């Protein structure tokens, strides 16, 4: 017989798109799903007439509670569901999910021939990434519709001089034939990226203004083109969507709710920033800043830092990084919480930097130490008031070590999973940037060993081919087209000798 509380929840679940959580008797999230109509989807699990596989039956037996987050359109939950599954790792998602590989949308906006495509492994290559998304087929469908509103190229066609078939179908900008200027194409891509970032309302309003302006100036062809864009977007709203990152009631997000309660925060931390340092014995020292908006990674807000001095001292490097970031409160935004990857030393260095910026004096700072996954706060300076009763309720404990309080909570708690996700993302981003700089330095070093090849040529080759491997793999025609026959011969023979 179904639990009375479950029956009650099933009666009040709304008929809207959203993400739902199944919890066990201990309050642990055991499954996360998304739905076009929450009530219909969740009720299906409890219909006795439906045939179920053994894993689904086992899941249903463990469900003790149901929660949900409402979103705007049918597939707005794609991004949010992927983020929450990665953070909480519900055991039944691992058992039941068919497509475990996450995908990103990649837009190399700064290229001379920008393209839009997919990847499963984002790189620190200067391109703009959106995701991750758990459903590749849903993203393909979304981009198919979006391409009608914002035509884009998917790949560079070598030696192509005329616009391809996709241009005549209204799906490609036609850069090859000069049908669209690079400036206009990038303006179009900015709208596409804005839409992917969840700025649907502002993008549609901007297009409406542009259409009215074109009509008033009697540029009816342009007005008609924008009208068609708007019609495509309005049709799209009924078919597929992306996360606004301003989903429903933020207080229902388990990790944010616990975090606010644990630290007695006045408001839920809508903007959490994470920081980490990466280097190799003091060389190629870099730092990362990642941003989670309403508990979801917001890659458009990420920043990376190359330290001004190459020093093998994480405390010094962290202090410099936080100092530089806090000087941008007005243009980058004010964080509700800053998470430092590290223990007492790293947190202390970050707090020293905050003390240099009066405007940042009330921003809460915490650390997360890797070894024991302890949350670290400075008893006086972290600007946090601990909820000790909640720590006990969660079967955790807090100990005072010098001026610092070390908090140990169960690793399966929602707040620890949220902080781990932010910390791990900051670590990944820092390591990625460090690897890019290291590869770049090794490439430049190899090219510097070739007599007669100056800094401008080296820069030109790296920009065009990316690495020594890329240059070695380039055809003779490509090298000649880039730097001329004489220098192409010198580079090719020089690199062959080095390798």
Protein backbone atom coordinates (compact mmCIF):
# COMPACT_ATOMS: atom_id res chain seq x y z
CA UNK A 1 0.00 0.00 0.00
CA UNK A 2 1.28 3.47 -0.91
CA UNK A 3 2.51 5.72 1.91
CA UNK A 4 0.04 8.46 2.91
CA UNK A 5 2.65 11.22 2.45
CA UNK A 6 3.46 9.98 -1.06
CA UNK A 7 -0.25 10.01 -1.96
CA UNK A 8 -0.50 13.58 -0.67
CA UNK A 9 2.53 14.69 -2.70
CA UNK A 10 1.17 13.07 -5.86
CA UNK A 11 -2.02 15.09 -5.51
CA UNK A 12 -0.24 18.46 -5.39
CA UNK A 13 2.52 18.00 -8.00
CA UNK A 14 1.84 20.62 -10.71
CA UNK A 15 1.25 19.93 -14.40
CA UNK A 16 4.32 21.90 -15.49
CA UNK A 17 7.81 21.08 -16.80
CA UNK A 18 10.45 20.43 -14.16
CA UNK A 19 12.96 18.21 -12.38
CA UNK A 20 11.88 15.75 -9.70
CA UNK A 21 13.80 14.11 -6.82
CA UNK A 22 13.05 10.75 -5.23
CA UNK A 23 14.40 10.37 -1.67
CA UNK A 24 14.75 7.35 0.61
CA UNK A 25 13.81 7.13 4.30
CA UNK A 26 17.14 8.75 5.28
CA UNK A 27 16.44 11.80 3.12
CA UNK A 28 19.11 10.84 0.57
CA UNK A 29 18.39 11.59 -3.09
CA UNK A 30 18.24 8.24 -4.90
CA UNK A 31 16.93 9.34 -8.30
CA UNK A 32 16.62 12.58 -10.32
CA UNK A 33 14.53 12.89 -13.47
CA UNK A 34 13.03 15.52 -15.75
CA UNK A 35 9.54 15.77 -17.22
CA UNK A 36 7.40 17.83 -19.57
CA UNK A 37 4.49 17.44 -17.14
CA UNK A 38 5.69 16.66 -13.64
CA UNK A 39 2.46 15.22 -12.26
CA UNK A 40 1.94 12.77 -15.14
CA UNK A 41 5.54 11.59 -15.16
CA UNK A 42 5.90 11.05 -11.42
CA UNK A 43 2.52 9.31 -11.12
CA UNK A 44 3.55 6.81 -13.77
CA UNK A 45 6.04 5.29 -11.34
CA UNK A 46 3.23 4.35 -8.95
CA UNK A 47 0.71 2.95 -11.44
CA UNK A 48 0.26 -0.75 -10.62
CA UNK A 49 -0.87 -1.51 -14.17
CA UNK A 50 2.49 -0.54 -15.66
CA UNK A 51 5.12 -3.16 -16.38
CA UNK A 52 8.43 -2.43 -14.67
CA UNK A 53 11.91 -3.89 -14.84
CA UNK A 54 13.46 -5.15 -11.57
CA UNK A 55 15.63 -2.02 -11.11
CA UNK A 56 12.66 0.34 -11.39
CA UNK A 57 10.67 -1.83 -8.97
CA UNK A 58 13.55 -1.65 -6.49
CA UNK A 59 13.64 2.14 -6.86
CA UNK A 60 9.91 2.50 -6.17
CA UNK A 61 10.14 0.37 -3.02
CA UNK A 62 12.74 2.79 -1.61
CA UNK A 63 10.90 6.05 -2.35
CA UNK A 64 9.94 7.76 0.91
CA UNK A 65 9.62 11.36 -0.28
CA UNK A 66 9.26 13.39 -3.48
CA UNK A 67 10.42 16.94 -4.23
CA UNK A 68 10.53 18.91 -7.45
CA UNK A 69 11.74 22.09 -9.13
CA UNK A 70 9.55 23.84 -11.69
CA UNK A 71 11.00 25.30 -14.92
CA UNK A 72 9.47 27.23 -17.81
CA UNK A 73 9.37 25.02 -20.90
CA UNK A 74 9.27 21.35 -21.77
CA UNK A 75 12.99 20.65 -21.90
CA UNK A 76 14.27 23.55 -19.83
CA UNK A 77 15.37 20.94 -17.34
CA UNK A 78 18.04 19.35 -19.59
CA UNK A 79 20.91 21.41 -18.20
CA UNK A 80 19.59 21.39 -14.64
CA UNK A 81 19.03 17.63 -14.54
CA UNK A 82 22.54 16.95 -15.86
CA UNK A 83 24.10 19.26 -13.27
CA UNK A 84 22.17 17.73 -10.36
CA UNK A 85 22.94 14.15 -11.42
CA UNK A 86 26.65 14.97 -11.63
CA UNK A 87 26.56 16.53 -8.17
CA UNK A 88 24.45 14.07 -6.18
CA UNK A 89 25.28 10.90 -8.14
CA UNK A 90 21.99 9.21 -7.18
CA UNK A 91 22.58 5.49 -7.24
CA UNK A 92 19.49 4.71 -9.33
CA UNK A 93 20.50 7.21 -12.01
CA UNK A 94 23.68 5.20 -12.43
CA UNK A 95 21.65 1.99 -12.66
CA UNK A 96 18.87 3.30 -14.91
CA UNK A 97 20.41 6.00 -17.11
CA UNK A 98 20.98 4.93 -20.71
CA UNK A 99 23.25 7.75 -21.91
CA UNK A 100 25.98 8.33 -19.35
CA UNK A 101 28.21 10.49 -21.57
CA UNK A 102 27.55 14.22 -21.26
CA UNK A 103 27.79 16.58 -24.22
CA UNK A 104 28.67 20.26 -24.65
CA UNK A 105 27.77 22.75 -27.36
CA UNK A 106 30.95 24.39 -28.67
CA UNK A 107 31.00 27.77 -30.45
CA UNK A 108 34.41 29.07 -31.59
CA UNK A 109 33.10 32.64 -31.72
CA UNK A 110 36.51 34.34 -32.15
CA UNK A 111 37.49 32.30 -35.20
CA UNK A 112 37.62 33.85 -38.67
CA UNK A 113 35.02 31.22 -39.61
CA UNK A 114 32.94 30.54 -36.47
CA UNK A 115 31.20 27.17 -36.24
CA UNK A 116 28.76 25.47 -33.88
CA UNK A 117 29.27 21.80 -33.02
CA UNK A 118 29.30 19.16 -30.27
CA UNK A 119 32.01 17.74 -28.05
CA UNK A 120 32.17 15.44 -25.06
CA UNK A 121 35.44 16.91 -23.82
CA UNK A 122 35.61 20.70 -23.46
CA UNK A 123 39.09 22.21 -23.87
CA UNK A 124 40.54 25.52 -22.79
CA UNK A 125 40.89 26.57 -26.44
CA UNK A 126 39.17 29.94 -26.41
CA UNK A 127 35.85 28.59 -27.69
CA UNK A 128 32.57 29.16 -25.81
CA UNK A 129 31.06 26.02 -24.23
CA UNK A 130 27.47 25.43 -23.12
CA UNK A 131 26.47 22.41 -21.06
CA UNK A 132 26.90 19.72 -20.02
CA UNK A 133 23.73 18.14 -21.37
CA UNK A 134 22.73 14.57 -20.62
CA UNK A 135 20.54 14.03 -23.70
CA UNK A 136 22.44 14.38 -26.97
CA UNK A 137 19.34 13.73 -29.05
CA UNK A 138 17.42 16.52 -27.27
CA UNK A 139 20.28 18.98 -27.87
CA UNK A 140 20.46 18.04 -31.54
CA UNK A 141 16.75 18.69 -31.82
CA UNK A 142 17.10 22.02 -30.01
CA UNK A 143 19.89 23.20 -32.27
CA UNK A 144 17.96 22.10 -35.34
CA UNK A 145 15.18 24.51 -34.37
CA UNK A 146 17.56 27.24 -33.20
CA UNK A 147 19.45 27.11 -36.48
CA UNK A 148 16.30 28.33 -38.26
CA UNK A 149 16.29 31.42 -36.05
CA UNK A 150 20.07 31.93 -35.90
CA UNK A 151 21.76 30.41 -38.98
CA UNK A 152 25.25 29.07 -38.29
CA UNK A 153 27.99 26.99 -39.92
CA UNK A 154 28.83 23.55 -38.55
CA UNK A 155 32.24 23.06 -40.18
CA UNK A 156 34.76 24.77 -42.44
CA UNK A 157 34.71 23.50 -46.03
CA UNK A 158 38.26 23.79 -47.46
CA UNK A 159 38.55 25.81 -50.67
CA UNK A 160 34.79 26.41 -50.84
CA UNK A 161 34.04 29.64 -52.71
CA UNK A 162 30.25 29.53 -53.02
CA UNK A 163 27.50 29.38 -50.42
CA UNK A 164 26.37 25.82 -49.71
CA UNK A 165 22.92 24.27 -49.79
CA UNK A 166 22.34 25.10 -46.12
CA UNK A 167 22.54 28.82 -46.95
CA UNK A 168 19.76 28.50 -49.52
CA UNK A 169 17.70 26.66 -46.89
CA UNK A 170 18.21 29.56 -44.48
CA UNK A 171 20.44 27.56 -42.11
CA UNK A 172 23.94 28.89 -42.91
CA UNK A 173 25.31 32.48 -42.97
CA UNK A 174 27.00 32.03 -46.37
CA UNK A 175 30.34 33.53 -45.37
CA UNK A 176 32.11 31.91 -48.33
CA UNK A 177 30.07 33.89 -50.85
CA UNK A 178 29.94 37.10 -48.83
CA UNK A 179 26.21 36.66 -48.21
CA UNK A 180 26.75 37.68 -44.59
CA UNK A 181 29.62 39.70 -43.16
CA UNK A 182 31.68 38.25 -40.30
CA UNK A 183 30.51 41.14 -38.10
CA UNK A 184 26.83 40.39 -38.76
CA UNK A 185 27.41 36.64 -38.32
CA UNK A 186 29.02 37.20 -34.92
CA UNK A 187 26.13 39.46 -33.91
CA UNK A 188 23.82 36.59 -34.80
CA UNK A 189 25.93 34.14 -32.77
CA UNK A 190 25.79 36.49 -29.77
CA UNK A 191 22.01 36.15 -29.83
CA UNK A 192 22.30 32.36 -30.12
CA UNK A 193 24.70 32.25 -27.14
CA UNK A 194 22.38 34.50 -25.18
CA UNK A 195 19.52 32.11 -25.87
CA UNK A 196 21.63 29.11 -24.81
CA UNK A 197 22.51 31.00 -21.62
CA UNK A 198 18.84 31.30 -20.79
CA UNK A 199 18.22 34.90 -21.88
CA UNK A 200 15.18 34.06 -23.97
CA UNK A 201 13.04 36.98 -22.89
CA UNK A 202 15.74 39.61 -23.45
CA UNK A 203 16.72 38.12 -26.85
CA UNK A 204 13.11 38.14 -28.07
CA UNK A 205 12.66 41.72 -26.80
CA UNK A 206 15.84 42.78 -28.62
CA UNK A 207 14.63 41.21 -31.86
CA UNK A 208 11.25 42.93 -31.52
CA UNK A 209 13.01 46.29 -31.11
CA UNK A 210 15.22 45.59 -34.14
CA UNK A 211 12.19 44.65 -36.24
CA UNK A 212 10.34 47.84 -35.28
CA UNK A 213 13.44 49.94 -36.00
CA UNK A 214 13.90 48.31 -39.43
CA UNK A 215 10.23 48.82 -40.25
CA UNK A 216 10.31 52.49 -39.24
CA UNK A 217 13.33 53.05 -41.49
CA UNK A 218 11.46 51.23 -44.30
CA UNK A 219 14.01 48.41 -44.46
CA UNK A 220 11.21 45.91 -44.99
CA UNK A 221 13.47 43.06 -46.11
CA UNK A 222 15.38 43.17 -42.81
CA UNK A 223 12.13 43.54 -40.85
CA UNK A 224 10.73 40.45 -42.57
CA UNK A 225 13.90 38.47 -41.78
CA UNK A 226 13.66 39.38 -38.08
CA UNK A 227 9.93 38.54 -38.13
CA UNK A 228 10.85 35.03 -39.36
CA UNK A 229 13.41 34.71 -36.56
CA UNK A 230 10.78 35.62 -33.99
CA UNK A 231 8.30 33.12 -35.43
CA UNK A 232 10.96 30.37 -35.21
CA UNK A 233 11.71 31.24 -31.59
CA UNK A 234 8.05 31.33 -30.57
CA UNK A 235 7.55 27.96 -32.19
CA UNK A 236 10.65 26.71 -30.41
CA UNK A 237 9.25 27.69 -26.99
CA UNK A 238 6.61 24.99 -27.41
CA UNK A 239 9.10 22.37 -28.52
CA UNK A 240 12.31 22.66 -26.56
CA UNK A 241 14.18 24.98 -24.24
CA UNK A 242 17.24 25.65 -22.16
CA UNK A 243 17.80 26.52 -18.52
CA UNK A 244 17.46 30.13 -17.43
CA UNK A 245 19.46 29.27 -14.31
CA UNK A 246 16.75 31.21 -12.50
CA UNK A 247 14.62 28.13 -11.99
CA UNK A 248 11.48 28.14 -9.87
CA UNK A 249 11.87 28.24 -6.13
CA UNK A 250 15.58 28.15 -5.30
CA UNK A 251 14.76 27.10 -1.71
CA UNK A 252 13.80 23.65 -3.03
CA UNK A 253 17.32 22.91 -4.28
CA UNK A 254 18.59 20.53 -1.54
CA UNK A 255 22.26 21.58 -1.46
CA UNK A 256 21.56 25.33 -1.42
CA UNK A 257 18.90 24.89 1.25
CA UNK A 258 21.25 22.96 3.55
CA UNK A 259 24.12 25.38 2.88
CA UNK A 260 22.06 28.44 3.80
CA UNK A 261 20.81 26.72 6.97
CA UNK A 262 24.27 25.44 7.98
CA UNK A 263 25.88 28.89 7.75
CA UNK A 264 22.82 30.89 8.89
CA UNK A 265 22.92 32.90 5.66
CA UNK A 266 20.28 35.63 5.33
CA UNK A 267 19.60 34.65 1.69
CA UNK A 268 20.21 31.54 -0.36
CA UNK A 269 23.64 31.74 -2.05
CA UNK A 270 22.61 32.46 -5.64
CA UNK A 271 26.21 33.04 -6.76
CA UNK A 272 28.93 30.72 -5.42
CA UNK A 273 32.50 31.14 -6.68
CA UNK A 274 35.21 28.49 -6.45
CA UNK A 275 38.99 29.02 -6.69
CA UNK A 276 42.00 26.76 -7.21
CA UNK A 277 45.70 27.11 -8.11
CA UNK A 278 47.60 24.91 -10.56
CA UNK A 279 51.31 24.87 -11.49
CA UNK A 280 54.32 22.61 -11.93
CA UNK A 281 56.92 23.48 -9.28
CA UNK A 282 56.26 27.19 -9.69
CA UNK A 283 56.13 27.31 -13.49
CA UNK A 284 53.04 28.18 -15.56
CA UNK A 285 51.23 29.25 -12.38
CA UNK A 286 47.52 29.76 -13.01
CA UNK A 287 44.32 30.13 -11.00
CA UNK A 288 40.71 29.40 -11.81
CA UNK A 289 37.46 31.08 -10.86
CA UNK A 290 34.28 29.09 -11.49
CA UNK A 291 30.76 30.36 -10.88
CA UNK A 292 27.66 28.42 -9.85
CA UNK A 293 24.42 30.35 -10.28
CA UNK A 294 21.54 28.93 -8.24
CA UNK A 295 23.58 25.76 -7.74
CA UNK A 296 24.28 25.26 -11.46
CA UNK A 297 27.65 25.80 -13.17
CA UNK A 298 27.59 29.02 -15.20
CA UNK A 299 30.50 28.73 -17.64
CA UNK A 300 29.91 32.13 -19.21
CA UNK A 301 31.02 33.69 -15.91
CA UNK A 302 34.24 31.66 -15.48
CA UNK A 303 37.56 33.51 -15.28
CA UNK A 304 41.17 32.35 -15.40
CA UNK A 305 44.26 34.09 -14.03
CA UNK A 306 47.93 33.90 -14.97
CA UNK A 307 49.84 35.01 -11.90
CA UNK A 308 52.15 37.98 -12.28
CA UNK A 309 55.03 36.15 -10.58
CA UNK A 310 56.10 32.52 -11.03
CA UNK A 311 56.32 31.41 -7.38
CA UNK A 312 56.01 27.90 -5.94
CA UNK A 313 53.80 29.12 -3.09
CA UNK A 314 50.06 28.37 -3.20
CA UNK A 315 49.30 30.80 -0.36
CA UNK A 316 50.96 33.72 -2.17
CA UNK A 317 49.29 32.78 -5.46
CA UNK A 318 45.84 32.46 -3.86
CA UNK A 319 46.18 35.86 -2.19
CA UNK A 320 47.09 37.50 -5.49
CA UNK A 321 44.20 35.79 -7.29
CA UNK A 322 41.53 36.81 -4.76
CA UNK A 323 42.90 40.37 -4.62
CA UNK A 324 42.63 40.69 -8.40
CA UNK A 325 39.14 39.20 -8.49
CA UNK A 326 37.71 41.40 -5.72
CA UNK A 327 38.76 44.52 -7.60
CA UNK A 328 36.04 43.63 -10.14
CA UNK A 329 33.00 43.52 -7.87
CA UNK A 330 31.15 46.14 -9.91
CA UNK A 331 31.62 44.56 -13.34
CA UNK A 332 31.83 40.84 -12.44
CA UNK A 333 29.18 40.80 -9.72
CA UNK A 334 29.26 40.20 -5.96
CA UNK A 335 29.46 36.56 -4.83
CA UNK A 336 27.21 35.30 -2.04
CA UNK A 337 29.85 32.75 -1.02
CA UNK A 338 33.47 32.07 -1.98
CA UNK A 339 34.87 28.54 -1.76
CA UNK A 340 38.64 28.05 -1.66
CA UNK A 341 40.11 24.71 -2.69
CA UNK A 342 42.32 23.98 0.31
CA UNK A 343 42.61 24.11 4.08
CA UNK A 344 43.63 26.65 6.69
CA UNK A 345 46.62 28.12 4.82
CA UNK A 346 44.80 28.75 1.54
CA UNK A 347 41.74 30.17 3.31
CA UNK A 348 43.87 32.47 5.45
CA UNK A 349 45.64 33.80 2.34
CA UNK A 350 42.30 34.48 0.65
CA UNK A 351 40.99 36.30 3.72
CA UNK A 352 44.09 38.51 3.79
CA UNK A 353 43.30 39.55 0.22
CA UNK A 354 39.69 40.31 1.15
CA UNK A 355 40.87 42.58 3.96
CA UNK A 356 42.58 44.77 1.34
CA UNK A 357 39.24 45.44 -0.41
CA UNK A 358 36.80 47.24 1.95
CA UNK A 359 33.83 46.67 -0.40
CA UNK A 360 34.29 42.90 -0.02
CA UNK A 361 34.44 42.81 3.76
CA UNK A 362 31.08 41.04 4.21
CA UNK A 363 31.51 38.27 1.62
CA UNK A 364 31.55 34.83 3.36
CA UNK A 365 34.69 32.73 2.71
CA UNK A 366 35.11 29.01 3.35
CA UNK A 367 37.60 26.31 2.37
CA UNK A 368 37.22 22.62 1.52
CA UNK A 369 40.20 20.48 2.48
CA UNK A 370 40.70 17.51 0.14
CA UNK A 371 42.00 14.81 2.48
CA UNK A 372 39.02 14.58 4.84
CA UNK A 373 36.62 16.74 2.81
CA UNK A 374 36.41 19.05 5.83
CA UNK A 375 34.69 22.41 5.52
CA UNK A 376 37.07 25.05 6.91
CA UNK A 377 36.04 28.43 8.30
CA UNK A 378 37.99 31.07 10.21
CA UNK A 379 36.20 31.60 13.51
CA UNK A 380 36.23 35.42 13.33
CA UNK A 381 36.88 36.45 9.74
CA UNK A 382 34.86 34.06 7.55
CA UNK A 383 31.66 36.10 8.18
CA UNK A 384 29.76 32.90 8.95
CA UNK A 385 27.67 31.92 11.96
CA UNK A 386 27.54 28.15 12.27
CA UNK A 387 24.34 26.24 12.94
CA UNK A 388 25.73 23.71 15.45
CA UNK A 389 22.38 22.01 15.99
CA UNK A 390 22.17 21.20 12.25
CA UNK A 391 25.69 19.74 12.34
CA UNK A 392 24.60 17.39 15.13
CA UNK A 393 21.36 16.60 13.32
CA UNK A 394 23.39 15.60 10.25
CA UNK A 395 25.63 13.36 12.42
CA UNK A 396 28.64 15.59 11.84
CA UNK A 397 31.00 17.40 14.17
CA UNK A 398 33.02 20.63 14.36
CA UNK A 399 36.38 21.08 16.10
CA UNK A 400 38.38 24.22 16.81
CA UNK A 401 41.97 24.17 15.51
CA UNK A 402 43.84 27.36 16.36
CA UNK A 403 41.63 30.10 14.84
CA UNK A 404 39.87 27.74 12.45
CA UNK A 405 36.80 25.54 12.77
CA UNK A 406 36.96 22.23 10.90
CA UNK A 407 33.54 20.81 10.08
CA UNK A 408 33.13 17.16 9.15
CA UNK A 409 29.81 16.11 7.65
CA UNK A 410 28.71 12.82 6.07
CA UNK A 411 30.04 12.68 2.53
CA UNK A 412 26.62 11.80 1.18
CA UNK A 413 25.07 15.00 2.58
CA UNK A 414 23.67 17.41 0.01
CA UNK A 415 25.81 20.32 1.21
CA UNK A 416 29.07 18.34 0.91
CA UNK A 417 28.12 17.16 -2.58
CA UNK A 418 27.41 20.72 -3.66
CA UNK A 419 30.73 22.02 -2.31
CA UNK A 420 32.62 19.09 -3.81
CA UNK A 421 31.08 19.84 -7.20
CA UNK A 422 32.19 23.49 -7.05
CA UNK A 423 35.66 22.52 -5.78
CA UNK A 424 36.16 19.78 -8.39
CA UNK A 425 35.06 22.10 -11.20
CA UNK A 426 37.51 24.81 -10.09
CA UNK A 427 40.26 22.18 -9.98
CA UNK A 428 39.39 20.88 -13.46
CA UNK A 429 39.34 24.39 -14.93
CA UNK A 430 42.68 25.34 -13.32
CA UNK A 431 44.41 22.14 -14.50
CA UNK A 432 43.00 22.62 -18.01
CA UNK A 433 44.40 26.14 -18.24
CA UNK A 434 47.77 25.05 -16.80
CA UNK A 435 48.00 22.24 -19.37
CA UNK A 436 47.24 24.70 -22.19
CA UNK A 437 50.00 27.08 -21.06
CA UNK A 438 52.46 24.23 -20.64
CA UNK A 439 51.72 22.91 -24.15
CA UNK A 440 51.97 26.42 -25.58
CA UNK A 441 55.32 26.99 -23.87
CA UNK A 442 56.70 23.68 -25.17
CA UNK A 443 55.48 24.52 -28.67
CA UNK A 444 57.12 27.94 -28.60
CA UNK A 445 60.30 26.41 -27.20
CA UNK A 446 60.50 23.92 -30.08
CA UNK A 447 59.93 26.63 -32.66
CA UNK A 448 62.54 28.87 -31.02
CA UNK A 449 65.16 26.22 -31.77
CA UNK A 450 64.65 26.67 -35.52
CA UNK A 451 67.07 29.29 -36.95
CA UNK A 452 65.47 32.05 -39.01
CA UNK A 453 61.97 31.72 -37.53
CA UNK A 454 61.09 34.87 -35.61
CA UNK A 455 58.44 35.57 -32.92
CA UNK A 456 55.82 36.82 -35.42
CA UNK A 457 56.06 33.64 -37.49
CA UNK A 458 55.92 31.48 -34.35
CA UNK A 459 52.80 33.30 -33.18
CA UNK A 460 51.23 32.95 -36.63
CA UNK A 461 51.91 29.20 -36.75
CA UNK A 462 50.61 28.54 -33.24
CA UNK A 463 47.44 30.50 -33.93
CA UNK A 464 46.82 28.61 -37.18
CA UNK A 465 47.84 25.03 -36.24
CA UNK A 466 47.66 25.03 -32.41
CA UNK A 467 50.74 22.89 -31.61
CA UNK A 468 53.97 21.37 -32.95
CA UNK A 469 52.00 18.21 -33.71
CA UNK A 470 49.52 20.28 -35.68
CA UNK A 471 52.31 21.96 -37.64
CA UNK A 472 53.99 18.62 -38.37
CA UNK A 473 50.68 17.20 -39.55
CA UNK A 474 49.91 20.18 -41.79
CA UNK A 475 50.23 19.74 -45.53
CA UNK A 476 52.93 21.59 -47.43
CA UNK A 477 50.26 23.63 -49.21
CA UNK A 478 48.77 24.76 -45.89
CA UNK A 479 52.17 25.83 -44.56
CA UNK A 480 53.04 27.66 -47.78
CA UNK A 481 49.68 29.45 -47.74
CA UNK A 482 50.30 30.57 -44.17
CA UNK A 483 53.99 31.64 -44.16
CA UNK A 484 55.31 31.32 -47.72
CA UNK A 485 57.39 28.60 -49.42
CA UNK A 486 60.83 29.55 -48.04
CA UNK A 487 59.86 29.68 -44.36
CA UNK A 488 57.57 26.65 -44.74
CA UNK A 489 60.55 24.57 -45.89
CA UNK A 490 62.68 25.81 -42.97
CA UNK A 491 59.97 25.05 -40.39
CA UNK A 492 59.24 21.59 -41.75
CA UNK A 493 62.87 20.50 -41.88
CA UNK A 494 63.65 22.10 -38.50
CA UNK A 495 60.80 20.36 -36.71
CA UNK A 496 61.63 17.01 -38.31
CA UNK A 497 65.15 17.30 -36.93
CA UNK A 498 63.87 18.16 -33.42
CA UNK A 499 61.26 15.40 -33.32
